[in-house]
Amino acid sequence: MTHESMLLPDERRTRTVLAWMGLSVENYARQAGISTRYLWHILKSDKVPSQALLRRLQQTMGDAAWNFATGASDSLPARQPPNTEATEMPPP
């Protein structure tokens, strides 16, 4: 059984998405259940995360935003999402 590898997020695109979502890098990392430092390593391509962690980052960000962050799409939905800064995900 073959699993397709997920694309890695691009730093510039991810920062654009997070600004669009009203989230800081720190809050996005917290919501995804990882340290801010580790997220920065991923965004700078210093570390290659597991496919499971990439799926968690995608679920936290949402499919349309993730597609933009990874370069799979060049557009974000026309409607801005609600500010998710106040919406905390429960710890894993």
N, C-alpha and C. Protein backbone atom coordinates (compact mmCIF):
# COMPACT_ATOMS: atom_id res chain seq x y z
N MET A 1 0.85 -1.18 0.00
CA MET A 1 0.00 0.00 0.00
C MET A 1 0.90 1.25 0.00
N THR A 2 0.68 2.15 -0.93
CA THR A 2 1.50 3.35 -1.06
C THR A 2 0.73 4.56 -0.57
N HIS A 3 1.40 5.35 0.24
CA HIS A 3 0.80 6.60 0.72
C HIS A 3 1.47 7.75 0.01
N GLU A 4 0.69 8.69 -0.43
CA GLU A 4 1.23 9.87 -1.09
C GLU A 4 1.83 10.81 -0.05
N SER A 5 3.04 11.29 -0.31
CA SER A 5 3.69 12.22 0.60
C SER A 5 3.03 13.59 0.50
N MET A 6 2.87 14.22 1.64
CA MET A 6 2.29 15.55 1.67
C MET A 6 3.36 16.58 1.37
N LEU A 7 2.95 17.69 0.78
CA LEU A 7 3.86 18.79 0.50
C LEU A 7 4.21 19.52 1.79
N LEU A 8 5.41 20.09 1.82
CA LEU A 8 5.83 20.87 2.99
C LEU A 8 5.36 22.32 2.83
N PRO A 9 4.99 22.96 3.93
CA PRO A 9 4.54 24.36 3.84
C PRO A 9 5.72 25.29 3.57
N ASP A 10 5.46 26.33 2.79
CA ASP A 10 6.44 27.37 2.49
C ASP A 10 6.32 28.46 3.55
N GLU A 11 7.45 28.95 4.03
CA GLU A 11 7.42 29.95 5.11
C GLU A 11 6.64 31.21 4.72
N ARG A 12 6.95 31.79 3.59
CA ARG A 12 6.28 33.04 3.19
C ARG A 12 4.78 32.83 3.01
N ARG A 13 4.42 31.75 2.35
CA ARG A 13 3.00 31.47 2.13
C ARG A 13 2.28 31.17 3.45
N THR A 14 2.95 30.46 4.34
CA THR A 14 2.34 30.14 5.63
C THR A 14 2.11 31.40 6.44
N ARG A 15 3.09 32.29 6.44
CA ARG A 15 2.91 33.56 7.18
C ARG A 15 1.76 34.37 6.58
N THR A 16 1.60 34.34 5.27
CA THR A 16 0.48 35.02 4.61
C THR A 16 -0.85 34.42 5.06
N VAL A 17 -0.92 33.09 5.06
CA VAL A 17 -2.15 32.40 5.49
C VAL A 17 -2.48 32.73 6.94
N LEU A 18 -1.47 32.67 7.80
CA LEU A 18 -1.72 32.92 9.22
C LEU A 18 -2.19 34.35 9.44
N ALA A 19 -1.61 35.31 8.72
CA ALA A 19 -2.08 36.70 8.83
C ALA A 19 -3.53 36.79 8.35
N TRP A 20 -3.86 36.10 7.27
CA TRP A 20 -5.22 36.08 6.73
C TRP A 20 -6.19 35.48 7.75
N MET A 21 -5.70 34.47 8.51
CA MET A 21 -6.53 33.81 9.51
C MET A 21 -6.57 34.58 10.84
N GLY A 22 -5.70 35.58 10.99
CA GLY A 22 -5.64 36.32 12.23
C GLY A 22 -4.89 35.57 13.33
N LEU A 23 -3.97 34.69 12.92
CA LEU A 23 -3.20 33.89 13.87
C LEU A 23 -1.73 34.26 13.84
N SER A 24 -1.09 34.19 14.97
CA SER A 24 0.36 34.32 15.02
C SER A 24 0.96 32.93 14.81
N VAL A 25 2.23 32.89 14.46
CA VAL A 25 2.92 31.61 14.32
C VAL A 25 2.86 30.86 15.65
N GLU A 26 3.01 31.58 16.74
CA GLU A 26 2.98 30.96 18.06
C GLU A 26 1.63 30.30 18.35
N ASN A 27 0.55 30.99 18.04
CA ASN A 27 -0.78 30.42 18.30
C ASN A 27 -1.08 29.25 17.38
N TYR A 28 -0.63 29.32 16.14
CA TYR A 28 -0.83 28.20 15.21
C TYR A 28 -0.07 26.97 15.73
N ALA A 29 1.17 27.17 16.16
CA ALA A 29 1.96 26.05 16.69
C ALA A 29 1.26 25.46 17.91
N ARG A 30 0.77 26.32 18.80
CA ARG A 30 0.08 25.85 20.01
C ARG A 30 -1.16 25.05 19.63
N GLN A 31 -1.94 25.56 18.68
CA GLN A 31 -3.15 24.85 18.26
C GLN A 31 -2.82 23.51 17.63
N ALA A 32 -1.68 23.42 16.95
CA ALA A 32 -1.26 22.17 16.32
C ALA A 32 -0.59 21.22 17.31
N GLY A 33 -0.30 21.73 18.51
CA GLY A 33 0.29 20.89 19.54
C GLY A 33 1.79 20.69 19.42
N ILE A 34 2.48 21.67 18.80
CA ILE A 34 3.94 21.59 18.69
C ILE A 34 4.54 22.89 19.20
N SER A 35 5.84 22.88 19.41
CA SER A 35 6.50 24.09 19.88
C SER A 35 6.68 25.07 18.71
N THR A 36 6.71 26.32 19.05
CA THR A 36 6.95 27.36 18.04
C THR A 36 8.31 27.13 17.38
N ARG A 37 9.28 26.76 18.18
CA ARG A 37 10.63 26.52 17.66
C ARG A 37 10.63 25.42 16.59
N TYR A 38 9.92 24.32 16.87
CA TYR A 38 9.87 23.22 15.90
C TYR A 38 9.14 23.66 14.63
N LEU A 39 8.07 24.43 14.78
CA LEU A 39 7.36 24.93 13.59
C LEU A 39 8.29 25.80 12.75
N TRP A 40 9.07 26.66 13.39
CA TRP A 40 10.02 27.48 12.62
C TRP A 40 11.03 26.61 11.88
N HIS A 41 11.49 25.53 12.51
CA HIS A 41 12.42 24.62 11.82
C HIS A 41 11.77 24.01 10.58
N ILE A 42 10.50 23.66 10.71
CA ILE A 42 9.77 23.11 9.55
C ILE A 42 9.65 24.16 8.46
N LEU A 43 9.25 25.37 8.83
CA LEU A 43 9.05 26.43 7.84
C LEU A 43 10.36 26.85 7.16
N LYS A 44 11.47 26.74 7.86
CA LYS A 44 12.78 27.09 7.30
C LYS A 44 13.42 25.91 6.57
N SER A 45 12.70 24.78 6.52
CA SER A 45 13.19 23.54 5.89
C SER A 45 14.42 22.97 6.58
N ASP A 46 14.57 23.27 7.87
CA ASP A 46 15.66 22.69 8.65
C ASP A 46 15.31 21.30 9.15
N LYS A 47 14.02 21.04 9.29
CA LYS A 47 13.53 19.73 9.77
C LYS A 47 12.43 19.26 8.83
N VAL A 48 12.39 17.95 8.63
CA VAL A 48 11.32 17.34 7.83
C VAL A 48 10.39 16.61 8.79
N PRO A 49 9.17 17.10 8.95
CA PRO A 49 8.24 16.48 9.90
C PRO A 49 7.67 15.17 9.35
N SER A 50 7.12 14.39 10.24
CA SER A 50 6.45 13.15 9.83
C SER A 50 5.18 13.49 9.05
N GLN A 51 4.69 12.53 8.30
CA GLN A 51 3.45 12.72 7.56
C GLN A 51 2.29 12.94 8.53
N ALA A 52 2.33 12.28 9.68
CA ALA A 52 1.28 12.47 10.69
C ALA A 52 1.25 13.91 11.20
N LEU A 53 2.43 14.49 11.43
CA LEU A 53 2.48 15.87 11.88
C LEU A 53 2.02 16.82 10.78
N LEU A 54 2.39 16.54 9.55
CA LEU A 54 1.92 17.38 8.43
C LEU A 54 0.40 17.34 8.34
N ARG A 55 -0.19 16.16 8.54
CA ARG A 55 -1.66 16.06 8.53
C ARG A 55 -2.27 16.88 9.66
N ARG A 56 -1.63 16.88 10.84
CA ARG A 56 -2.14 17.67 11.96
C ARG A 56 -2.04 19.16 11.65
N LEU A 57 -0.93 19.59 11.05
CA LEU A 57 -0.79 20.99 10.66
C LEU A 57 -1.86 21.37 9.63
N GLN A 58 -2.12 20.46 8.69
CA GLN A 58 -3.15 20.71 7.68
C GLN A 58 -4.53 20.82 8.32
N GLN A 59 -4.85 19.91 9.23
CA GLN A 59 -6.15 19.94 9.89
C GLN A 59 -6.33 21.21 10.71
N THR A 60 -5.26 21.66 11.34
CA THR A 60 -5.33 22.87 12.15
C THR A 60 -5.56 24.09 11.27
N MET A 61 -4.93 24.12 10.10
CA MET A 61 -5.02 25.27 9.21
C MET A 61 -6.27 25.22 8.33
N GLY A 62 -6.71 24.04 7.96
CA GLY A 62 -7.83 23.89 7.03
C GLY A 62 -7.29 23.62 5.63
N ASP A 63 -8.06 22.89 4.84
CA ASP A 63 -7.60 22.43 3.53
C ASP A 63 -7.25 23.55 2.56
N ALA A 64 -8.13 24.53 2.41
CA ALA A 64 -7.88 25.60 1.43
C ALA A 64 -6.64 26.41 1.80
N ALA A 65 -6.51 26.73 3.08
CA ALA A 65 -5.35 27.49 3.55
C ALA A 65 -4.07 26.66 3.39
N TRP A 66 -4.15 25.36 3.72
CA TRP A 66 -2.99 24.47 3.59
C TRP A 66 -2.55 24.38 2.13
N ASN A 67 -3.50 24.26 1.23
CA ASN A 67 -3.15 24.19 -0.19
C ASN A 67 -2.40 25.44 -0.63
N PHE A 68 -2.79 26.59 -0.13
CA PHE A 68 -2.07 27.82 -0.45
C PHE A 68 -0.68 27.80 0.20
N ALA A 69 -0.61 27.40 1.47
CA ALA A 69 0.67 27.41 2.21
C ALA A 69 1.70 26.48 1.58
N THR A 70 1.24 25.40 0.97
CA THR A 70 2.17 24.43 0.37
C THR A 70 2.42 24.70 -1.11
N GLY A 71 1.72 25.66 -1.69
CA GLY A 71 1.90 25.97 -3.10
C GLY A 71 1.04 25.12 -4.02
N ALA A 72 0.16 24.29 -3.46
CA ALA A 72 -0.73 23.48 -4.28
C ALA A 72 -1.82 24.33 -4.92
N SER A 73 -2.05 25.52 -4.38
CA SER A 73 -3.03 26.46 -4.90
C SER A 73 -2.44 27.87 -4.79
N ASP A 74 -2.84 28.74 -5.69
CA ASP A 74 -2.36 30.12 -5.64
C ASP A 74 -3.41 31.09 -5.15
N SER A 75 -4.49 30.57 -4.57
CA SER A 75 -5.52 31.48 -4.07
C SER A 75 -6.09 30.98 -2.76
N LEU A 76 -6.53 31.94 -1.98
CA LEU A 76 -7.26 31.67 -0.74
C LEU A 76 -8.73 31.95 -0.99
N PRO A 77 -9.62 31.35 -0.22
CA PRO A 77 -11.04 31.66 -0.40
C PRO A 77 -11.29 33.16 -0.26
N ALA A 78 -12.27 33.66 -0.99
CA ALA A 78 -12.57 35.10 -0.99
C ALA A 78 -13.01 35.56 0.39
N ARG A 79 -13.65 34.70 1.12
CA ARG A 79 -14.17 35.06 2.44
C ARG A 79 -13.13 34.74 3.50
N GLN A 80 -12.77 35.74 4.27
CA GLN A 80 -11.78 35.56 5.34
C GLN A 80 -12.41 34.76 6.48
N PRO A 81 -11.66 33.81 7.03
CA PRO A 81 -12.22 33.03 8.15
C PRO A 81 -12.33 33.91 9.39
N PRO A 82 -13.15 33.49 10.35
CA PRO A 82 -13.22 34.25 11.59
C PRO A 82 -11.85 34.19 12.28
N ASN A 83 -11.57 35.16 13.10
CA ASN A 83 -10.32 35.18 13.84
C ASN A 83 -10.29 33.94 14.72
N THR A 84 -9.33 33.06 14.45
CA THR A 84 -9.26 31.81 15.20
C THR A 84 -8.32 31.90 16.38
N GLU A 85 -7.79 33.09 16.64
CA GLU A 85 -6.86 33.27 17.76
C GLU A 85 -7.51 32.88 19.09
N ALA A 86 -8.78 33.18 19.24
CA ALA A 86 -9.44 32.89 20.51
C ALA A 86 -9.90 31.43 20.58
N THR A 87 -9.88 30.73 19.46
CA THR A 87 -10.34 29.35 19.43
C THR A 87 -9.18 28.42 19.70
N GLU A 88 -9.11 27.92 20.88
CA GLU A 88 -8.02 27.02 21.26
C GLU A 88 -8.46 25.58 21.04
N MET A 89 -7.60 24.79 20.44
CA MET A 89 -7.87 23.37 20.29
C MET A 89 -7.44 22.67 21.57
N PRO A 90 -8.14 21.64 21.98
CA PRO A 90 -7.71 20.91 23.18
C PRO A 90 -6.38 20.22 22.92
N PRO A 91 -5.55 20.06 23.95
CA PRO A 91 -4.27 19.40 23.76
C PRO A 91 -4.46 17.98 23.28
N PRO A 92 -3.50 17.45 22.48
CA PRO A 92 -3.65 16.08 21.95
C PRO A 92 -3.60 15.04 23.04
